[in-house]
Amino acid sequence: MTKQISLVLGVLFILSLFSACKNKQDLSKKKPEADIYVDALIASSQPITNTIEVNGTVVANEYVELHPEASGRITYLNVPEGKRIAAGTVIACINNADLEAQLNKSKVQLDLAEKTEERNKQLLAVNGINQSDYDISLNAVNGFKADIAYNQALLDKTILKAPFSGIIGLRQVSLGAYVSPTTLIATLLQLDRIKIDFTLPEGYGSVLKVGGTVDVELDAASNTKKKARIIAIEPQVNQSSRSLTVRAILENSNPNPGAFVKVYVNAGVDKNAILVPTNALIPNDKDNQMILVKNGRASFVNVTAGLRLANNVVITRGLKEGDTVVVTGVLFARPKAKLDVRSIKTLDQFAALNNNGSNSK
């Protein structure tokens, strides 16, 4: 019985060795490499107009918040909300009865001092008094004149006038209210000319010049653009965004200050730009990559992307004319994988495919 069991175990061991060897031979056999079907583009250079689109803000030509310079109760208030007022118009008066009384008192004292000084001057001419007595009377005159100037300055601070002609905003206080220099009475804006403020990456600083023009789109729905003239460029680059602040004047327009606009800056014409479809670009943490077809296999190369258009992107480094760029099937390709190029299409054909795909969604 023991011999029979040993025989069975030996047979089973031999069969297991045979099965393991067979499986090992099957695993060692390589599966045939499957082709990855892709569509490609032959890279070529072409001239493009480099137009930069940035966001802008409408700014009033002149803007001021109207605050009183003195504290007190408002005795006069003239704020015609939303109406135009002329420069120098009295907007508000603060109770100044005490200052007026002090000013009148100083004027009376000045009148008496001037008469005394005149008499002393005549006496000094005939040696009726000495020089020091005359100097005292003259000093009194000058002192009262200084008091009058000081009181007049305090009195002027109680009267708030429009510093320039413009449109006055909404009234923020009522007649009889107690106000201080921190109290906002109203705002005043000059809308004869409108300024447009926008920022641009510092790399485009060379294309901006004072006196140059940019296109401004006030209303995206109407799709109309107006010319604005650059009047100033901030010389200091913003250290957080690495951008330049630019100010332009927009004539014959009346958008509301603070409104959002689109600004289009013409950065010149690049005569040798290499464009590829946007979906051919593979972004990653460090560099952008593209897949080229070389000897029928996938070759991954690092590239630098520049200006981005609606469906295409400009490649400034890493790609040259004549390279075969994989556009569709990018997600399935692996380094050195075998590629089967189904078709070679142009930029316009790829753009039409993208538009048809977006319209069908």
Protein backbone atom coordinates (compact mmCIF):
# COMPACT_ATOMS: atom_id res chain seq x y z
CA MET A 1 0.00 0.00 0.00
CA THR A 2 2.89 2.30 0.83
CA LYS A 3 4.50 1.63 -2.54
CA GLN A 4 1.27 2.53 -4.35
CA ILE A 5 1.00 5.83 -2.51
CA SER A 6 4.62 6.70 -3.31
CA LEU A 7 4.02 5.88 -6.97
CA VAL A 8 0.95 8.16 -7.13
CA LEU A 9 2.83 11.01 -5.45
CA GLY A 10 5.73 10.63 -7.87
CA VAL A 11 3.37 10.78 -10.86
CA LEU A 12 1.70 13.90 -9.50
CA PHE A 13 5.07 15.58 -8.92
CA ILE A 14 6.16 14.88 -12.49
CA LEU A 15 2.87 16.25 -13.85
CA SER A 16 3.21 19.43 -11.79
CA LEU A 17 6.75 19.99 -13.09
CA PHE A 18 5.53 19.52 -16.65
CA SER A 19 2.66 21.97 -16.15
CA ALA A 20 4.97 24.61 -14.59
CA CYS A 21 7.43 24.38 -17.47
CA LYS A 22 4.62 24.74 -19.98
CA ASN A 23 3.25 27.85 -18.24
CA LYS A 24 6.73 29.36 -18.13
CA GLN A 25 7.12 28.81 -21.86
CA ASP A 26 3.75 30.47 -22.50
CA LEU A 27 4.67 33.52 -20.41
CA SER A 28 8.00 33.87 -22.18
CA LYS A 29 6.23 34.26 -25.49
CA LYS A 30 5.83 38.01 -26.31
CA LYS A 31 2.49 39.24 -27.44
CA PRO A 32 2.58 41.11 -30.71
CA GLU A 33 2.71 44.90 -30.16
CA ALA A 34 -0.62 46.59 -31.00
CA ASP A 35 -0.56 49.69 -33.20
CA ILE A 36 -1.90 52.97 -31.80
CA TYR A 37 -3.90 54.88 -34.40
CA VAL A 38 -3.32 58.64 -34.40
CA ASP A 39 -3.90 61.70 -36.55
CA ALA A 40 -0.97 64.01 -37.10
CA LEU A 41 0.05 67.43 -38.33
CA ILE A 42 3.20 68.51 -40.18
CA ALA A 43 4.62 71.50 -38.29
CA SER A 44 5.07 74.61 -40.43
CA SER A 45 5.62 78.30 -39.78
CA GLN A 46 3.16 81.04 -40.69
CA PRO A 47 2.68 84.74 -39.87
CA ILE A 48 0.24 85.60 -37.09
CA THR A 49 -0.89 88.81 -35.46
CA ASN A 50 -0.10 88.72 -31.77
CA THR A 51 -3.09 90.29 -30.00
CA ILE A 52 -3.13 90.17 -26.21
CA GLU A 53 -6.48 90.19 -24.43
CA VAL A 54 -6.50 91.53 -20.86
CA ASN A 55 -9.07 92.81 -18.38
CA GLY A 56 -9.46 96.53 -17.74
CA THR A 57 -11.35 98.83 -15.40
CA VAL A 58 -13.12 102.09 -16.22
CA VAL A 59 -11.81 105.01 -14.14
CA ALA A 60 -13.22 108.55 -13.98
CA ASN A 61 -10.96 111.30 -15.32
CA GLU A 62 -11.15 112.95 -11.89
CA TYR A 63 -12.64 111.49 -8.74
CA VAL A 64 -12.86 112.79 -5.17
CA GLU A 65 -14.69 111.93 -1.99
CA LEU A 66 -16.10 115.09 -0.42
CA HIS A 67 -15.31 115.31 3.31
CA PRO A 68 -15.59 118.39 5.56
CA GLU A 69 -12.33 119.75 6.97
CA ALA A 70 -13.93 120.78 10.28
CA SER A 71 -16.24 119.09 12.77
CA GLY A 72 -19.66 120.54 13.54
CA ARG A 73 -23.31 120.70 12.62
CA ILE A 74 -24.28 121.14 8.95
CA THR A 75 -26.18 124.42 8.51
CA TYR A 76 -26.26 124.39 4.68
CA LEU A 77 -26.34 121.44 2.28
CA ASN A 78 -26.42 121.55 -1.52
CA VAL A 79 -26.06 118.09 -3.13
CA PRO A 80 -28.05 117.84 -6.41
CA GLU A 81 -27.68 114.07 -6.74
CA GLY A 82 -26.56 112.88 -10.17
CA LYS A 83 -26.39 116.44 -11.55
CA ARG A 84 -23.49 118.43 -12.93
CA ILE A 85 -22.08 121.21 -10.74
CA ALA A 86 -19.44 123.83 -11.51
CA ALA A 87 -16.09 124.18 -9.81
CA GLY A 88 -16.34 126.35 -6.68
CA THR A 89 -19.99 125.51 -5.98
CA VAL A 90 -20.69 125.53 -2.22
CA ILE A 91 -21.79 122.04 -1.26
CA ALA A 92 -22.01 122.25 2.54
CA CYS A 93 -21.40 124.67 5.42
CA ILE A 94 -20.55 123.79 9.01
CA ASN A 95 -21.80 125.95 11.92
CA ASN A 96 -19.14 128.70 12.12
CA ALA A 97 -20.81 131.42 14.21
CA ASP A 98 -18.01 131.38 16.80
CA LEU A 99 -15.33 131.78 14.14
CA GLU A 100 -17.17 134.66 12.47
CA ALA A 101 -17.49 136.42 15.85
CA GLN A 102 -13.79 135.96 16.53
CA LEU A 103 -12.96 137.26 13.06
CA ASN A 104 -15.10 140.37 13.55
CA LYS A 105 -13.48 140.98 16.92
CA SER A 106 -10.00 140.80 15.36
CA LYS A 107 -11.07 143.27 12.64
CA VAL A 108 -12.24 145.79 15.26
CA GLN A 109 -9.00 145.43 17.18
CA LEU A 110 -7.04 145.84 13.96
CA ASP A 111 -8.87 149.07 13.16
CA LEU A 112 -7.96 150.56 16.55
CA ALA A 113 -4.37 149.33 16.29
CA GLU A 114 -3.95 150.88 12.84
CA LYS A 115 -5.19 154.29 14.12
CA THR A 116 -2.81 154.08 17.06
CA GLU A 117 0.06 153.16 14.79
CA GLU A 118 -0.73 156.10 12.48
CA ARG A 119 -0.72 158.59 15.38
CA ASN A 120 2.52 157.18 16.76
CA LYS A 121 4.07 157.44 13.36
CA GLN A 122 3.29 161.17 13.22
CA LEU A 123 4.66 161.65 16.75
CA LEU A 124 7.82 159.77 15.86
CA ALA A 125 8.36 162.13 12.93
CA VAL A 126 8.52 165.13 15.32
CA ASN A 127 10.40 163.18 18.03
CA GLY A 128 7.28 163.08 20.19
CA ILE A 129 7.87 159.41 21.12
CA ASN A 130 10.83 157.09 20.91
CA GLN A 131 11.27 154.34 18.34
CA SER A 132 10.41 151.49 20.73
CA ASP A 133 6.93 152.88 21.43
CA TYR A 134 6.24 153.11 17.73
CA ASP A 135 7.50 149.54 17.16
CA ILE A 136 5.07 148.24 19.81
CA SER A 137 2.12 149.83 18.04
CA LEU A 138 3.29 148.52 14.66
CA ASN A 139 3.71 145.03 16.10
CA ALA A 140 0.14 145.15 17.44
CA VAL A 141 -1.12 145.89 13.92
CA ASN A 142 0.79 142.96 12.45
CA GLY A 143 -0.44 140.66 15.25
CA PHE A 144 -4.08 141.44 14.60
CA LYS A 145 -3.56 140.91 10.87
CA ALA A 146 -2.14 137.47 11.62
CA ASP A 147 -5.13 136.70 13.86
CA ILE A 148 -7.50 137.67 11.06
CA ALA A 149 -5.66 135.42 8.55
CA TYR A 150 -5.75 132.50 11.02
CA ASN A 151 -9.46 132.92 11.79
CA GLN A 152 -10.24 133.28 8.09
CA ALA A 153 -8.42 129.99 7.40
CA LEU A 154 -10.49 128.26 10.09
CA LEU A 155 -13.63 129.82 8.63
CA ASP A 156 -12.77 128.60 5.12
CA LYS A 157 -12.49 125.03 6.45
CA THR A 158 -16.15 125.14 7.46
CA ILE A 159 -17.22 125.71 3.84
CA LEU A 160 -17.00 122.73 1.46
CA LYS A 161 -16.70 123.64 -2.23
CA ALA A 162 -16.50 121.57 -5.39
CA PRO A 163 -12.81 121.33 -6.40
CA PHE A 164 -13.67 120.83 -10.08
CA SER A 165 -16.67 120.63 -12.39
CA GLY A 166 -18.31 117.23 -12.57
CA ILE A 167 -21.20 114.94 -11.69
CA ILE A 168 -22.00 114.74 -7.99
CA GLY A 169 -23.00 111.39 -6.54
CA LEU A 170 -25.57 110.38 -3.94
CA ARG A 171 -25.96 112.42 -0.75
CA GLN A 172 -24.75 110.53 2.33
CA VAL A 173 -25.82 112.96 5.12
CA SER A 174 -28.76 115.21 5.94
CA LEU A 175 -29.04 118.86 6.88
CA GLY A 176 -28.42 119.36 10.59
CA ALA A 177 -26.25 116.27 10.98
CA TYR A 178 -23.09 116.48 13.06
CA VAL A 179 -20.09 115.62 10.88
CA SER A 180 -16.34 115.26 11.21
CA PRO A 181 -13.48 115.09 8.68
CA THR A 182 -14.09 111.32 8.37
CA THR A 183 -17.74 111.80 7.31
CA LEU A 184 -18.47 111.29 3.61
CA ILE A 185 -20.82 113.95 2.22
CA ALA A 186 -20.88 112.74 -1.42
CA THR A 187 -18.59 111.88 -4.33
CA LEU A 188 -17.68 114.03 -7.31
CA LEU A 189 -16.65 112.56 -10.67
CA GLN A 190 -15.48 114.15 -13.88
CA LEU A 191 -16.75 112.08 -16.81
CA ASP A 192 -15.74 114.29 -19.73
CA ARG A 193 -12.95 111.85 -20.48
CA ILE A 194 -12.80 108.25 -19.32
CA LYS A 195 -9.63 106.44 -18.28
CA ILE A 196 -9.05 102.72 -18.77
CA ASP A 197 -6.63 101.02 -16.37
CA PHE A 198 -5.29 97.56 -17.24
CA THR A 199 -2.32 95.34 -16.45
CA LEU A 200 -0.05 93.53 -18.86
CA PRO A 201 2.73 90.93 -18.26
CA GLU A 202 6.11 92.64 -18.01
CA GLY A 203 7.38 90.65 -20.99
CA TYR A 204 5.18 92.78 -23.25
CA GLY A 205 6.50 96.07 -21.89
CA SER A 206 8.41 96.73 -25.12
CA VAL A 207 5.21 96.83 -27.21
CA LEU A 208 3.65 99.59 -25.07
CA LYS A 209 4.40 103.22 -25.79
CA VAL A 210 2.86 106.44 -24.50
CA GLY A 211 0.75 107.79 -27.34
CA GLY A 212 0.02 104.35 -28.74
CA THR A 213 -3.49 102.95 -28.99
CA VAL A 214 -5.34 99.87 -27.75
CA ASP A 215 -8.78 98.50 -28.57
CA VAL A 216 -11.39 98.54 -25.80
CA GLU A 217 -14.53 96.40 -25.81
CA LEU A 218 -17.11 98.07 -23.56
CA ASP A 219 -19.97 95.65 -24.18
CA ALA A 220 -19.29 92.02 -25.05
CA ALA A 221 -22.84 91.58 -26.34
CA SER A 222 -22.46 94.29 -29.01
CA ASN A 223 -18.92 93.12 -29.91
CA THR A 224 -17.90 96.70 -30.76
CA LYS A 225 -14.44 98.10 -30.00
CA LYS A 226 -13.21 101.65 -29.53
CA LYS A 227 -9.73 103.12 -29.65
CA ALA A 228 -8.09 104.32 -26.44
CA ARG A 229 -4.83 106.29 -26.31
CA ILE A 230 -2.14 105.29 -23.81
CA ILE A 231 -1.24 108.28 -21.61
CA ALA A 232 0.94 106.70 -18.90
CA ILE A 233 2.71 103.48 -17.93
CA GLU A 234 3.56 102.70 -14.31
CA PRO A 235 7.38 102.37 -14.24
CA GLN A 236 7.33 100.03 -11.22
CA VAL A 237 6.56 96.37 -12.01
CA ASN A 238 4.11 94.75 -9.61
CA GLN A 239 6.28 92.27 -7.70
CA SER A 240 3.47 89.85 -6.89
CA SER A 241 1.99 89.53 -10.40
CA ARG A 242 5.05 90.63 -12.44
CA SER A 243 2.88 92.93 -14.51
CA LEU A 244 2.81 96.54 -15.64
CA THR A 245 -0.10 98.89 -14.98
CA VAL A 246 -1.15 100.97 -17.98
CA ARG A 247 -3.59 103.87 -18.25
CA ALA A 248 -5.34 104.94 -21.46
CA ILE A 249 -7.83 107.69 -22.31
CA LEU A 250 -11.10 106.77 -24.03
CA GLU A 251 -12.77 109.67 -25.83
CA ASN A 252 -16.45 110.09 -26.68
CA SER A 253 -17.71 107.34 -24.41
CA ASN A 254 -19.64 107.32 -21.16
CA PRO A 255 -19.30 103.95 -19.42
CA ASN A 256 -19.79 103.91 -15.67
CA PRO A 257 -16.58 104.22 -13.62
CA GLY A 258 -15.63 100.90 -12.07
CA ALA A 259 -17.11 98.91 -14.96
CA PHE A 260 -15.28 95.89 -16.41
CA VAL A 261 -13.96 96.07 -20.00
CA LYS A 262 -11.83 93.97 -22.32
CA VAL A 263 -8.62 95.50 -23.65
CA TYR A 264 -6.86 94.21 -26.78
CA VAL A 265 -3.20 95.09 -27.26
CA ASN A 266 -1.51 94.53 -30.63
CA ALA A 267 1.91 93.05 -29.85
CA GLY A 268 3.05 92.94 -33.49
CA VAL A 269 3.27 90.26 -36.19
CA ASP A 270 5.29 87.06 -35.79
CA LYS A 271 6.29 86.00 -39.31
CA ASN A 272 7.61 82.56 -38.35
CA ALA A 273 5.19 81.26 -35.73
CA ILE A 274 4.72 77.49 -35.45
CA LEU A 275 1.12 76.73 -34.51
CA VAL A 276 -0.27 73.41 -33.30
CA PRO A 277 -3.73 72.47 -32.01
CA THR A 278 -4.14 73.02 -28.27
CA ASN A 279 -5.08 69.38 -27.60
CA ALA A 280 -1.67 68.25 -28.93
CA LEU A 281 -0.03 69.83 -25.87
CA ILE A 282 0.55 67.64 -22.80
CA PRO A 283 0.89 69.85 -19.69
CA ASN A 284 2.75 68.71 -16.60
CA ASP A 285 4.31 70.20 -13.50
CA LYS A 286 7.61 71.33 -15.05
CA ASP A 287 7.46 71.39 -18.86
CA ASN A 288 4.87 71.02 -21.57
CA GLN A 289 5.36 68.03 -23.84
CA MET A 290 4.33 66.94 -27.33
CA ILE A 291 4.48 63.61 -29.13
CA LEU A 292 6.35 63.43 -32.44
CA VAL A 293 6.30 60.53 -34.89
CA LYS A 294 9.87 59.37 -35.56
CA ASN A 295 10.53 56.16 -37.45
CA GLY A 296 6.97 55.09 -36.80
CA ARG A 297 7.27 55.39 -33.04
CA ALA A 298 6.26 57.91 -30.38
CA SER A 299 8.93 60.39 -29.30
CA PHE A 300 8.10 62.67 -26.35
CA VAL A 301 9.78 66.12 -26.50
CA ASN A 302 9.69 69.09 -24.12
CA VAL A 303 8.34 72.30 -25.67
CA THR A 304 7.70 75.88 -24.62
CA ALA A 305 4.24 77.29 -25.33
CA GLY A 306 3.71 80.95 -26.18
CA LEU A 307 0.63 82.81 -27.34
CA ARG A 308 -2.63 80.86 -27.06
CA LEU A 309 -5.37 81.39 -29.62
CA ALA A 310 -8.90 80.00 -29.78
CA ASN A 311 -7.94 76.48 -30.94
CA ASN A 312 -4.17 76.68 -31.41
CA VAL A 313 -1.04 77.50 -29.45
CA VAL A 314 2.31 78.93 -30.59
CA ILE A 315 5.33 76.73 -29.83
CA THR A 316 8.41 78.89 -29.28
CA ARG A 317 10.94 76.15 -28.43
CA GLY A 318 11.31 72.39 -28.89
CA LEU A 319 9.55 72.07 -32.25
CA LYS A 320 10.82 72.76 -35.77
CA GLU A 321 9.32 72.86 -39.22
CA GLY A 322 8.72 69.46 -40.77
CA ASP A 323 8.17 67.60 -37.49
CA THR A 324 5.18 65.25 -37.44
CA VAL A 325 3.07 66.14 -34.40
CA VAL A 326 0.53 63.72 -32.92
CA VAL A 327 -2.79 65.52 -32.40
CA THR A 328 -5.37 62.79 -31.74
CA GLY A 329 -4.67 59.66 -29.72
CA VAL A 330 -2.27 61.54 -27.45
CA LEU A 331 -3.63 59.89 -24.29
CA PHE A 332 -2.96 56.34 -25.59
CA ALA A 333 0.62 56.83 -26.77
CA ARG A 334 3.58 55.76 -24.65
CA PRO A 335 7.28 56.48 -25.18
CA LYS A 336 8.64 54.50 -28.16
CA ALA A 337 5.21 52.96 -28.79
CA LYS A 338 4.45 52.00 -32.38
CA LEU A 339 2.15 54.51 -34.06
CA ASP A 340 -0.08 54.08 -37.08
CA VAL A 341 -0.76 57.51 -38.64
CA ARG A 342 -4.26 57.37 -40.09
CA SER A 343 -4.22 60.84 -41.65
CA ILE A 344 -2.29 64.09 -41.92
CA LYS A 345 -4.57 67.07 -41.39
CA THR A 346 -4.13 70.85 -41.46
CA LEU A 347 -4.77 73.32 -38.63
CA ASP A 348 -8.06 74.38 -40.18
CA GLN A 349 -9.24 70.77 -40.42
CA PHE A 350 -8.44 70.09 -36.77
CA ALA A 351 -10.19 73.35 -35.80
CA ALA A 352 -13.29 72.29 -37.74
CA LEU A 353 -13.28 68.93 -35.95
CA ASN A 354 -13.06 70.65 -32.57
CA ASN A 355 -15.89 73.05 -33.44
CA ASN A 356 -18.10 70.22 -34.66
CA GLY A 357 -17.36 68.29 -31.49
CA SER A 358 -18.25 71.24 -29.25
CA ASN A 359 -21.43 71.96 -31.22
CA SER A 360 -22.59 68.37 -30.96
CA LYS A 361 -22.33 68.41 -27.15
